[in-house]
Amino acid sequence: MRPAWGAPALLGRWSRLLIDLNRGPDDPTLVMKLSDGSIIPGNRDADAAEVARRITAYHAPYHAAIAAELDRMGPAAVILSMHSFTPRWKKTPRQWEVGILYDRDARLAAPLRARLAEAGFTVGDNEPYTGALDGDTLNVHGTLRGLPHVLIEMRQDLIASDAAAQDFAQRLKPIIDAALGDMASSSEAVGQ
């Protein structure tokens, strides 16, 4: 249980190079054989049986845990996922400090993007990746359940040390709080 919001934190303990927990089980990029021009040695020979083994061992339990917590929390739940991205991709610097990914529901994404920009961050709107992929985490656990959802992508150089990660978290928490408040106010205004 995370005391900041009174909600559970479900943590993936594996690199996306082993299996990308945010992707759907049918996504061809679930187990990448090539990343940023480099062959991933442990994935080079990963056949369908190996991918299925990784889904059973890592991917399915992670998604089952998310589903169980959302079932427990009920229809008032909000999905806030966090991930990091490299400062460069294929030798090109990435301009965003933070990316806000979402599927078809922008109830939380829109106010969060605005609040991050107000705080001085360079913010990507479904950048550097898209959150609108059928079968991925946001789609399955957010869109299909009708829950507000975002995946916050943080550029890795902003969280490169424990101290930097703590500073980033302390800066991010009130921004998320404000965005959640904005979303709730907007929902209340629509309901009136």
N, C-alpha and C. Protein backbone atom coordinates (compact mmCIF):
# COMPACT_ATOMS: atom_id res chain seq x y z
N MET A 1 0.85 -1.18 0.00
CA MET A 1 0.00 0.00 0.00
C MET A 1 0.89 1.24 0.00
N ARG A 2 0.59 2.19 -0.85
CA ARG A 2 1.35 3.43 -0.93
C ARG A 2 0.61 4.49 -0.12
N PRO A 3 1.23 5.04 0.93
CA PRO A 3 0.53 5.98 1.78
C PRO A 3 0.16 7.29 1.07
N ALA A 4 0.87 7.66 0.03
CA ALA A 4 0.60 8.94 -0.63
C ALA A 4 -0.82 9.03 -1.16
N TRP A 5 -1.36 7.96 -1.69
CA TRP A 5 -2.72 7.97 -2.22
C TRP A 5 -3.60 6.88 -1.61
N GLY A 6 -3.07 6.08 -0.75
CA GLY A 6 -3.86 5.00 -0.18
C GLY A 6 -4.21 3.94 -1.20
N ALA A 7 -3.35 3.78 -2.17
CA ALA A 7 -3.59 2.82 -3.25
C ALA A 7 -2.39 1.89 -3.37
N PRO A 8 -2.60 0.70 -3.88
CA PRO A 8 -1.48 -0.23 -4.04
C PRO A 8 -0.56 0.20 -5.18
N ALA A 9 0.70 -0.12 -5.04
CA ALA A 9 1.66 0.07 -6.12
C ALA A 9 2.04 -1.33 -6.61
N LEU A 10 1.73 -1.62 -7.84
CA LEU A 10 2.09 -2.91 -8.43
C LEU A 10 3.33 -2.67 -9.28
N LEU A 11 4.42 -3.27 -8.88
CA LEU A 11 5.70 -2.98 -9.50
C LEU A 11 6.18 -4.12 -10.37
N GLY A 12 6.47 -3.81 -11.61
CA GLY A 12 7.12 -4.78 -12.49
C GLY A 12 8.60 -4.79 -12.13
N ARG A 13 9.14 -5.94 -11.87
CA ARG A 13 10.54 -6.04 -11.44
C ARG A 13 11.47 -6.46 -12.56
N TRP A 14 10.96 -6.47 -13.79
CA TRP A 14 11.76 -6.96 -14.91
C TRP A 14 11.90 -5.88 -15.96
N SER A 15 13.01 -5.92 -16.64
CA SER A 15 13.27 -4.99 -17.74
C SER A 15 12.31 -5.28 -18.89
N ARG A 16 11.96 -4.24 -19.63
CA ARG A 16 11.14 -4.44 -20.82
C ARG A 16 11.90 -5.23 -21.88
N LEU A 17 13.21 -5.41 -21.67
CA LEU A 17 13.96 -6.25 -22.61
C LEU A 17 13.70 -7.74 -22.37
N LEU A 18 13.25 -8.08 -21.17
CA LEU A 18 12.83 -9.46 -20.90
C LEU A 18 11.43 -9.67 -21.47
N ILE A 19 10.51 -8.79 -21.08
CA ILE A 19 9.13 -8.79 -21.59
C ILE A 19 8.55 -7.43 -21.25
N ASP A 20 7.86 -6.82 -22.19
CA ASP A 20 7.29 -5.50 -21.96
C ASP A 20 5.92 -5.67 -21.31
N LEU A 21 5.85 -5.41 -20.03
CA LEU A 21 4.62 -5.61 -19.27
C LEU A 21 3.49 -4.69 -19.71
N ASN A 22 3.81 -3.58 -20.38
CA ASN A 22 2.77 -2.66 -20.83
C ASN A 22 2.11 -3.09 -22.13
N ARG A 23 2.69 -4.01 -22.83
CA ARG A 23 2.15 -4.47 -24.11
C ARG A 23 1.14 -5.59 -23.91
N GLY A 24 0.28 -5.75 -24.90
CA GLY A 24 -0.66 -6.86 -24.88
C GLY A 24 0.06 -8.16 -25.21
N PRO A 25 -0.48 -9.30 -24.81
CA PRO A 25 0.20 -10.58 -25.04
C PRO A 25 0.35 -10.95 -26.51
N ASP A 26 -0.44 -10.34 -27.39
CA ASP A 26 -0.32 -10.62 -28.83
C ASP A 26 0.54 -9.60 -29.56
N ASP A 27 1.06 -8.62 -28.86
CA ASP A 27 1.86 -7.56 -29.49
C ASP A 27 3.19 -8.13 -29.98
N PRO A 28 3.55 -7.89 -31.23
CA PRO A 28 4.82 -8.42 -31.74
C PRO A 28 6.05 -7.81 -31.07
N THR A 29 5.89 -6.70 -30.35
CA THR A 29 7.02 -6.08 -29.65
C THR A 29 7.07 -6.48 -28.17
N LEU A 30 6.31 -7.48 -27.79
CA LEU A 30 6.28 -7.95 -26.40
C LEU A 30 7.66 -8.40 -25.94
N VAL A 31 8.36 -9.13 -26.78
CA VAL A 31 9.74 -9.56 -26.52
C VAL A 31 10.56 -9.09 -27.72
N MET A 32 11.28 -8.02 -27.50
CA MET A 32 12.05 -7.40 -28.59
C MET A 32 13.36 -8.14 -28.86
N LYS A 33 13.61 -8.43 -30.11
CA LYS A 33 14.87 -9.05 -30.49
C LYS A 33 15.92 -7.99 -30.83
N LEU A 34 15.45 -6.79 -31.17
CA LEU A 34 16.31 -5.68 -31.56
C LEU A 34 15.79 -4.44 -30.84
N SER A 35 16.68 -3.67 -30.23
CA SER A 35 16.29 -2.44 -29.57
C SER A 35 17.33 -1.37 -29.84
N ASP A 36 16.90 -0.27 -30.40
CA ASP A 36 17.77 0.87 -30.71
C ASP A 36 19.02 0.42 -31.48
N GLY A 37 18.81 -0.47 -32.43
CA GLY A 37 19.89 -0.92 -33.29
C GLY A 37 20.75 -2.03 -32.73
N SER A 38 20.47 -2.48 -31.52
CA SER A 38 21.28 -3.54 -30.90
C SER A 38 20.45 -4.81 -30.75
N ILE A 39 21.07 -5.94 -31.09
CA ILE A 39 20.43 -7.23 -30.88
C ILE A 39 20.44 -7.53 -29.38
N ILE A 40 19.31 -7.98 -28.87
CA ILE A 40 19.20 -8.35 -27.45
C ILE A 40 19.59 -9.83 -27.35
N PRO A 41 20.79 -10.13 -26.82
CA PRO A 41 21.28 -11.51 -26.82
C PRO A 41 20.31 -12.52 -26.22
N GLY A 42 19.67 -12.19 -25.11
CA GLY A 42 18.76 -13.13 -24.46
C GLY A 42 17.46 -13.34 -25.22
N ASN A 43 17.21 -12.49 -26.21
CA ASN A 43 15.97 -12.60 -26.99
C ASN A 43 16.19 -13.07 -28.42
N ARG A 44 17.41 -13.07 -28.84
CA ARG A 44 17.74 -13.40 -30.22
C ARG A 44 17.09 -14.70 -30.68
N ASP A 45 17.13 -15.71 -29.83
CA ASP A 45 16.60 -17.02 -30.21
C ASP A 45 15.26 -17.33 -29.54
N ALA A 46 14.59 -16.30 -29.02
CA ALA A 46 13.31 -16.52 -28.33
C ALA A 46 12.24 -16.91 -29.35
N ASP A 47 11.83 -18.16 -29.30
CA ASP A 47 10.78 -18.64 -30.21
C ASP A 47 9.41 -18.50 -29.54
N ALA A 48 8.38 -18.96 -30.19
CA ALA A 48 7.02 -18.84 -29.66
C ALA A 48 6.88 -19.51 -28.30
N ALA A 49 7.55 -20.64 -28.10
CA ALA A 49 7.47 -21.34 -26.82
C ALA A 49 8.12 -20.51 -25.70
N GLU A 50 9.23 -19.87 -26.01
CA GLU A 50 9.91 -19.02 -25.01
C GLU A 50 9.06 -17.80 -24.68
N VAL A 51 8.46 -17.18 -25.68
CA VAL A 51 7.59 -16.03 -25.44
C VAL A 51 6.40 -16.46 -24.58
N ALA A 52 5.81 -17.61 -24.88
CA ALA A 52 4.69 -18.12 -24.09
C ALA A 52 5.13 -18.38 -22.64
N ARG A 53 6.33 -18.90 -22.45
CA ARG A 53 6.84 -19.13 -21.10
C ARG A 53 6.97 -17.81 -20.35
N ARG A 54 7.47 -16.79 -21.00
CA ARG A 54 7.63 -15.48 -20.35
C ARG A 54 6.26 -14.84 -20.04
N ILE A 55 5.32 -15.04 -20.93
CA ILE A 55 3.97 -14.52 -20.66
C ILE A 55 3.42 -15.18 -19.40
N THR A 56 3.55 -16.51 -19.31
CA THR A 56 3.04 -17.25 -18.15
C THR A 56 3.77 -16.85 -16.87
N ALA A 57 5.08 -16.69 -16.95
CA ALA A 57 5.89 -16.43 -15.75
C ALA A 57 5.84 -14.98 -15.29
N TYR A 58 5.75 -14.02 -16.21
CA TYR A 58 5.90 -12.61 -15.85
C TYR A 58 4.68 -11.75 -16.22
N HIS A 59 4.26 -11.84 -17.45
CA HIS A 59 3.23 -10.95 -17.97
C HIS A 59 1.85 -11.24 -17.38
N ALA A 60 1.41 -12.47 -17.45
CA ALA A 60 0.07 -12.83 -16.98
C ALA A 60 -0.10 -12.56 -15.47
N PRO A 61 0.86 -12.92 -14.62
CA PRO A 61 0.68 -12.63 -13.19
C PRO A 61 0.59 -11.12 -12.90
N TYR A 62 1.37 -10.34 -13.62
CA TYR A 62 1.33 -8.88 -13.44
C TYR A 62 -0.06 -8.35 -13.77
N HIS A 63 -0.59 -8.76 -14.91
CA HIS A 63 -1.92 -8.27 -15.32
C HIS A 63 -3.03 -8.84 -14.46
N ALA A 64 -2.87 -10.05 -13.97
CA ALA A 64 -3.86 -10.61 -13.04
C ALA A 64 -3.87 -9.81 -11.74
N ALA A 65 -2.70 -9.38 -11.28
CA ALA A 65 -2.63 -8.57 -10.05
C ALA A 65 -3.30 -7.22 -10.26
N ILE A 66 -3.08 -6.60 -11.41
CA ILE A 66 -3.75 -5.33 -11.71
C ILE A 66 -5.26 -5.53 -11.71
N ALA A 67 -5.73 -6.54 -12.41
CA ALA A 67 -7.17 -6.80 -12.49
C ALA A 67 -7.77 -7.05 -11.10
N ALA A 68 -7.07 -7.81 -10.28
CA ALA A 68 -7.58 -8.11 -8.94
C ALA A 68 -7.67 -6.84 -8.09
N GLU A 69 -6.67 -5.98 -8.15
CA GLU A 69 -6.71 -4.74 -7.38
C GLU A 69 -7.81 -3.82 -7.89
N LEU A 70 -7.98 -3.73 -9.20
CA LEU A 70 -9.05 -2.88 -9.74
C LEU A 70 -10.41 -3.42 -9.36
N ASP A 71 -10.57 -4.74 -9.37
CA ASP A 71 -11.83 -5.35 -8.92
C ASP A 71 -12.09 -4.98 -7.46
N ARG A 72 -11.05 -5.03 -6.64
CA ARG A 72 -11.19 -4.72 -5.22
C ARG A 72 -11.53 -3.24 -5.02
N MET A 73 -10.91 -2.37 -5.81
CA MET A 73 -11.09 -0.92 -5.64
C MET A 73 -12.43 -0.44 -6.20
N GLY A 74 -12.92 -1.09 -7.22
CA GLY A 74 -14.22 -0.73 -7.78
C GLY A 74 -14.17 0.39 -8.80
N PRO A 75 -15.36 0.93 -9.15
CA PRO A 75 -15.46 1.87 -10.27
C PRO A 75 -14.85 3.24 -10.02
N ALA A 76 -14.44 3.54 -8.80
CA ALA A 76 -13.81 4.83 -8.52
C ALA A 76 -12.30 4.80 -8.73
N ALA A 77 -11.76 3.65 -9.13
CA ALA A 77 -10.31 3.52 -9.31
C ALA A 77 -9.82 4.39 -10.46
N VAL A 78 -8.58 4.78 -10.34
CA VAL A 78 -7.86 5.53 -11.38
C VAL A 78 -6.56 4.78 -11.62
N ILE A 79 -6.19 4.61 -12.88
CA ILE A 79 -4.95 3.92 -13.20
C ILE A 79 -3.87 4.94 -13.51
N LEU A 80 -2.80 4.86 -12.73
CA LEU A 80 -1.65 5.73 -12.92
C LEU A 80 -0.44 4.82 -13.03
N SER A 81 0.07 4.67 -14.22
CA SER A 81 1.20 3.80 -14.48
C SER A 81 2.43 4.67 -14.74
N MET A 82 3.60 4.16 -14.38
CA MET A 82 4.82 4.95 -14.57
C MET A 82 5.88 4.08 -15.23
N HIS A 83 6.64 4.72 -16.09
CA HIS A 83 7.70 4.04 -16.82
C HIS A 83 8.74 5.08 -17.17
N SER A 84 9.89 4.65 -17.61
CA SER A 84 10.91 5.60 -18.04
C SER A 84 11.31 5.34 -19.48
N PHE A 85 11.90 6.37 -20.09
CA PHE A 85 12.39 6.24 -21.47
C PHE A 85 13.78 6.83 -21.59
N THR A 86 14.52 6.36 -22.57
CA THR A 86 15.89 6.81 -22.77
C THR A 86 15.93 8.23 -23.32
N PRO A 87 16.95 9.01 -22.94
CA PRO A 87 17.06 10.38 -23.43
C PRO A 87 17.31 10.48 -24.95
N ARG A 88 17.82 9.40 -25.53
CA ARG A 88 18.09 9.37 -26.98
C ARG A 88 17.52 8.09 -27.55
N TRP A 89 17.07 8.16 -28.79
CA TRP A 89 16.61 6.98 -29.51
C TRP A 89 17.18 7.04 -30.91
N LYS A 90 17.91 6.00 -31.26
CA LYS A 90 18.57 5.96 -32.57
C LYS A 90 19.40 7.22 -32.80
N LYS A 91 20.14 7.60 -31.76
CA LYS A 91 21.07 8.73 -31.76
C LYS A 91 20.39 10.09 -31.81
N THR A 92 19.08 10.12 -31.75
CA THR A 92 18.35 11.39 -31.78
C THR A 92 17.88 11.73 -30.36
N PRO A 93 18.24 12.94 -29.88
CA PRO A 93 17.77 13.32 -28.55
C PRO A 93 16.24 13.42 -28.53
N ARG A 94 15.67 13.01 -27.43
CA ARG A 94 14.22 13.13 -27.25
C ARG A 94 13.95 14.43 -26.50
N GLN A 95 13.06 15.22 -27.06
CA GLN A 95 12.81 16.55 -26.52
C GLN A 95 11.97 16.55 -25.25
N TRP A 96 11.21 15.51 -25.02
CA TRP A 96 10.29 15.50 -23.89
C TRP A 96 11.00 15.11 -22.61
N GLU A 97 10.61 15.75 -21.52
CA GLU A 97 11.06 15.33 -20.20
C GLU A 97 10.08 14.30 -19.63
N VAL A 98 8.81 14.51 -19.93
CA VAL A 98 7.75 13.64 -19.46
C VAL A 98 6.77 13.43 -20.62
N GLY A 99 6.33 12.20 -20.78
CA GLY A 99 5.29 11.91 -21.76
C GLY A 99 4.05 11.41 -21.03
N ILE A 100 2.90 11.87 -21.48
CA ILE A 100 1.63 11.39 -20.92
C ILE A 100 0.96 10.54 -21.99
N LEU A 101 0.85 9.27 -21.69
CA LEU A 101 0.25 8.30 -22.61
C LEU A 101 -1.14 7.95 -22.11
N TYR A 102 -2.05 7.77 -23.05
CA TYR A 102 -3.41 7.40 -22.71
C TYR A 102 -4.04 6.75 -23.92
N ASP A 103 -5.15 6.07 -23.69
CA ASP A 103 -5.89 5.44 -24.79
C ASP A 103 -6.96 6.45 -25.23
N ARG A 104 -8.20 6.07 -25.26
CA ARG A 104 -9.24 6.97 -25.77
C ARG A 104 -9.80 7.91 -24.72
N ASP A 105 -9.45 7.73 -23.47
CA ASP A 105 -10.01 8.49 -22.37
C ASP A 105 -8.98 9.50 -21.86
N ALA A 106 -9.23 10.79 -22.08
CA ALA A 106 -8.27 11.83 -21.69
C ALA A 106 -8.69 12.55 -20.40
N ARG A 107 -9.63 11.97 -19.63
CA ARG A 107 -10.09 12.65 -18.41
C ARG A 107 -8.96 13.02 -17.47
N LEU A 108 -8.00 12.14 -17.31
CA LEU A 108 -6.85 12.44 -16.46
C LEU A 108 -5.67 12.97 -17.28
N ALA A 109 -5.52 12.49 -18.48
CA ALA A 109 -4.37 12.87 -19.31
C ALA A 109 -4.35 14.37 -19.59
N ALA A 110 -5.49 14.95 -19.94
CA ALA A 110 -5.52 16.38 -20.31
C ALA A 110 -5.13 17.28 -19.14
N PRO A 111 -5.74 17.12 -17.96
CA PRO A 111 -5.31 18.00 -16.87
C PRO A 111 -3.87 17.71 -16.41
N LEU A 112 -3.43 16.48 -16.51
CA LEU A 112 -2.06 16.16 -16.10
C LEU A 112 -1.06 16.80 -17.06
N ARG A 113 -1.33 16.73 -18.35
CA ARG A 113 -0.44 17.40 -19.32
C ARG A 113 -0.37 18.89 -19.02
N ALA A 114 -1.52 19.51 -18.78
CA ALA A 114 -1.56 20.95 -18.51
C ALA A 114 -0.79 21.30 -17.24
N ARG A 115 -0.99 20.52 -16.19
CA ARG A 115 -0.30 20.79 -14.91
C ARG A 115 1.22 20.60 -15.04
N LEU A 116 1.63 19.58 -15.78
CA LEU A 116 3.07 19.37 -15.99
C LEU A 116 3.68 20.51 -16.78
N ALA A 117 2.99 20.98 -17.80
CA ALA A 117 3.48 22.12 -18.59
C ALA A 117 3.56 23.37 -17.72
N GLU A 118 2.56 23.61 -16.89
CA GLU A 118 2.58 24.76 -15.97
C GLU A 118 3.77 24.69 -15.03
N ALA A 119 4.17 23.49 -14.66
CA ALA A 119 5.30 23.30 -13.75
C ALA A 119 6.65 23.40 -14.47
N GLY A 120 6.62 23.63 -15.77
CA GLY A 120 7.86 23.84 -16.52
C GLY A 120 8.42 22.64 -17.24
N PHE A 121 7.69 21.52 -17.26
CA PHE A 121 8.15 20.34 -17.97
C PHE A 121 7.85 20.45 -19.46
N THR A 122 8.71 19.87 -20.27
CA THR A 122 8.43 19.66 -21.69
C THR A 122 7.67 18.35 -21.77
N VAL A 123 6.40 18.42 -22.20
CA VAL A 123 5.48 17.29 -22.08
C VAL A 123 5.10 16.76 -23.45
N GLY A 124 5.16 15.46 -23.60
CA GLY A 124 4.70 14.81 -24.82
C GLY A 124 3.27 14.32 -24.67
N ASP A 125 2.47 14.53 -25.68
CA ASP A 125 1.08 14.06 -25.73
C ASP A 125 1.09 12.75 -26.51
N ASN A 126 1.00 11.63 -25.78
CA ASN A 126 1.18 10.31 -26.36
C ASN A 126 2.53 10.21 -27.07
N GLU A 127 3.54 10.80 -26.45
CA GLU A 127 4.93 10.77 -26.90
C GLU A 127 5.81 10.50 -25.68
N PRO A 128 6.90 9.80 -25.79
CA PRO A 128 7.52 9.30 -27.01
C PRO A 128 6.89 8.02 -27.54
N TYR A 129 5.86 7.53 -26.89
CA TYR A 129 5.14 6.35 -27.36
C TYR A 129 3.65 6.69 -27.35
N THR A 130 2.86 5.84 -27.94
CA THR A 130 1.41 6.02 -27.86
C THR A 130 0.84 5.10 -26.79
N GLY A 131 -0.19 5.58 -26.13
CA GLY A 131 -0.89 4.77 -25.16
C GLY A 131 -2.13 4.12 -25.75
N ALA A 132 -2.35 4.35 -27.04
CA ALA A 132 -3.57 3.85 -27.70
C ALA A 132 -3.27 2.59 -28.50
N LEU A 133 -3.00 1.51 -27.80
CA LEU A 133 -2.72 0.23 -28.44
C LEU A 133 -3.70 -0.81 -27.92
N ASP A 134 -4.45 -1.41 -28.79
CA ASP A 134 -5.40 -2.45 -28.37
C ASP A 134 -4.65 -3.56 -27.64
N GLY A 135 -5.20 -3.96 -26.52
CA GLY A 135 -4.63 -5.07 -25.76
C GLY A 135 -3.55 -4.70 -24.78
N ASP A 136 -3.09 -3.42 -24.78
CA ASP A 136 -2.04 -3.06 -23.84
C ASP A 136 -2.64 -2.70 -22.49
N THR A 137 -1.82 -2.35 -21.53
CA THR A 137 -2.26 -2.10 -20.16
C THR A 137 -3.36 -1.05 -20.08
N LEU A 138 -3.16 0.10 -20.73
CA LEU A 138 -4.15 1.18 -20.63
C LEU A 138 -5.47 0.78 -21.27
N ASN A 139 -5.39 0.10 -22.39
CA ASN A 139 -6.60 -0.33 -23.09
C ASN A 139 -7.38 -1.35 -22.26
N VAL A 140 -6.71 -2.39 -21.81
CA VAL A 140 -7.38 -3.49 -21.10
C VAL A 140 -7.88 -3.06 -19.72
N HIS A 141 -7.02 -2.40 -18.96
CA HIS A 141 -7.38 -2.08 -17.58
C HIS A 141 -8.05 -0.72 -17.43
N GLY A 142 -7.85 0.17 -18.39
CA GLY A 142 -8.46 1.49 -18.34
C GLY A 142 -9.67 1.61 -19.23
N THR A 143 -9.45 1.63 -20.54
CA THR A 143 -10.53 1.86 -21.49
C THR A 143 -11.64 0.83 -21.38
N LEU A 144 -11.29 -0.45 -21.38
CA LEU A 144 -12.32 -1.49 -21.37
C LEU A 144 -13.11 -1.52 -20.06
N ARG A 145 -12.53 -0.96 -18.98
CA ARG A 145 -13.24 -0.88 -17.70
C ARG A 145 -13.91 0.48 -17.51
N GLY A 146 -13.63 1.43 -18.41
CA GLY A 146 -14.19 2.77 -18.28
C GLY A 146 -13.53 3.59 -17.20
N LEU A 147 -12.26 3.29 -16.88
CA LEU A 147 -11.54 3.99 -15.82
C LEU A 147 -10.60 5.05 -16.38
N PRO A 148 -10.49 6.19 -15.71
CA PRO A 148 -9.48 7.17 -16.11
C PRO A 148 -8.10 6.53 -15.97
N HIS A 149 -7.20 6.88 -16.89
CA HIS A 149 -5.89 6.22 -16.89
C HIS A 149 -4.84 7.08 -17.57
N VAL A 150 -3.62 6.95 -17.11
CA VAL A 150 -2.45 7.53 -17.79
C VAL A 150 -1.25 6.65 -17.53
N LEU A 151 -0.32 6.72 -18.44
CA LEU A 151 1.00 6.15 -18.23
C LEU A 151 1.95 7.33 -18.31
N ILE A 152 2.63 7.61 -17.22
CA ILE A 152 3.60 8.71 -17.17
C ILE A 152 4.95 8.14 -17.55
N GLU A 153 5.49 8.66 -18.64
CA GLU A 153 6.84 8.27 -19.09
C GLU A 153 7.80 9.37 -18.65
N MET A 154 8.85 9.00 -17.90
CA MET A 154 9.84 9.95 -17.43
C MET A 154 11.16 9.71 -18.14
N ARG A 155 11.80 10.77 -18.57
CA ARG A 155 13.10 10.61 -19.22
C ARG A 155 14.11 10.16 -18.17
N GLN A 156 14.87 9.13 -18.49
CA GLN A 156 15.74 8.46 -17.52
C GLN A 156 16.79 9.36 -16.88
N ASP A 157 17.27 10.37 -17.59
CA ASP A 157 18.28 11.23 -17.00
C ASP A 157 17.72 12.07 -15.84
N LEU A 158 16.40 12.20 -15.77
CA LEU A 158 15.77 12.95 -14.68
C LEU A 158 15.64 12.12 -13.40
N ILE A 159 15.84 10.82 -13.52
CA ILE A 159 15.71 9.93 -12.36
C ILE A 159 16.91 8.99 -12.27
N ALA A 160 18.08 9.47 -12.72
CA ALA A 160 19.26 8.61 -12.88
C ALA A 160 19.91 8.17 -11.56
N SER A 161 19.63 8.85 -10.48
CA SER A 161 20.17 8.46 -9.17
C SER A 161 19.02 8.38 -8.18
N ASP A 162 19.27 7.77 -7.04
CA ASP A 162 18.23 7.71 -6.01
C ASP A 162 17.78 9.11 -5.61
N ALA A 163 18.75 10.01 -5.44
CA ALA A 163 18.42 11.39 -5.03
C ALA A 163 17.59 12.08 -6.11
N ALA A 164 17.98 11.91 -7.37
CA ALA A 164 17.23 12.54 -8.47
C ALA A 164 15.82 11.95 -8.56
N ALA A 165 15.70 10.65 -8.36
CA ALA A 165 14.38 10.01 -8.41
C ALA A 165 13.49 10.52 -7.27
N GLN A 166 14.06 10.67 -6.08
CA GLN A 166 13.30 11.20 -4.95
C GLN A 166 12.86 12.64 -5.21
N ASP A 167 13.77 13.45 -5.74
CA ASP A 167 13.42 14.84 -6.07
C ASP A 167 12.32 14.90 -7.12
N PHE A 168 12.44 14.04 -8.13
CA PHE A 168 11.42 14.01 -9.18
C PHE A 168 10.07 13.60 -8.60
N ALA A 169 10.06 12.58 -7.75
CA ALA A 169 8.82 12.11 -7.13
C ALA A 169 8.18 13.21 -6.29
N GLN A 170 9.00 13.94 -5.53
CA GLN A 170 8.47 15.02 -4.69
C GLN A 170 7.91 16.16 -5.55
N ARG A 171 8.50 16.37 -6.69
CA ARG A 171 8.00 17.40 -7.60
C ARG A 171 6.73 16.93 -8.31
N LEU A 172 6.67 15.65 -8.63
CA LEU A 172 5.56 15.10 -9.39
C LEU A 172 4.29 14.92 -8.55
N LYS A 173 4.43 14.55 -7.30
CA LYS A 173 3.27 14.24 -6.46
C LYS A 173 2.24 15.37 -6.42
N PRO A 174 2.61 16.62 -6.11
CA PRO A 174 1.58 17.66 -6.08
C PRO A 174 0.97 17.96 -7.46
N ILE A 175 1.73 17.70 -8.51
CA ILE A 175 1.20 17.90 -9.87
C ILE A 175 0.12 16.86 -10.15
N ILE A 176 0.39 15.62 -9.77
CA ILE A 176 -0.62 14.57 -9.95
C ILE A 176 -1.84 14.86 -9.08
N ASP A 177 -1.61 15.27 -7.84
CA ASP A 177 -2.73 15.61 -6.95
C ASP A 177 -3.62 16.69 -7.59
N ALA A 178 -2.99 17.73 -8.13
CA ALA A 178 -3.75 18.81 -8.75
C ALA A 178 -4.53 18.31 -9.97
N ALA A 179 -3.90 17.47 -10.77
CA ALA A 179 -4.57 16.93 -11.97
C ALA A 179 -5.75 16.04 -11.57
N LEU A 180 -5.57 15.24 -10.52
CA LEU A 180 -6.68 14.42 -10.04
C LEU A 180 -7.83 15.31 -9.55
N GLY A 181 -7.49 16.40 -8.88
CA GLY A 181 -8.50 17.36 -8.45
C GLY A 181 -9.21 18.01 -9.64
N ASP A 182 -8.43 18.38 -10.65
CA ASP A 182 -9.02 18.97 -11.86
C ASP A 182 -9.98 17.99 -12.52
N MET A 183 -9.57 16.73 -12.59
CA MET A 183 -10.42 15.70 -13.21
C MET A 183 -11.71 15.54 -12.41
N ALA A 184 -11.60 15.49 -11.09
CA ALA A 184 -12.79 15.34 -10.25
C ALA A 184 -13.72 16.54 -10.40
N SER A 185 -13.16 17.76 -10.43
CA SER A 185 -13.98 18.96 -10.60
C SER A 185 -14.68 18.97 -11.94
N SER A 186 -13.97 18.55 -12.97
CA SER A 186 -14.55 18.49 -14.31
C SER A 186 -15.68 17.47 -14.37
N SER A 187 -15.48 16.31 -13.72
CA SER A 187 -16.51 15.29 -13.69
C SER A 187 -17.74 15.77 -12.93
N GLU A 188 -17.52 16.49 -11.83
CA GLU A 188 -18.63 17.02 -11.05
C GLU A 188 -19.41 18.06 -11.85
N ALA A 189 -18.68 18.90 -12.59
CA ALA A 189 -19.34 19.93 -13.41
C ALA A 189 -20.18 19.30 -14.51
N VAL A 190 -19.70 18.22 -15.11
CA VAL A 190 -20.44 17.52 -16.15
C VAL A 190 -21.68 16.86 -15.57
N GLY A 191 -21.57 16.36 -14.33
CA GLY A 191 -22.68 15.66 -13.68
C GLY A 191 -23.78 16.59 -13.19
N GLN A 192 -23.52 17.90 -13.11
CA GLN A 192 -24.52 18.83 -12.58
C GLN A 192 -25.57 19.17 -13.60
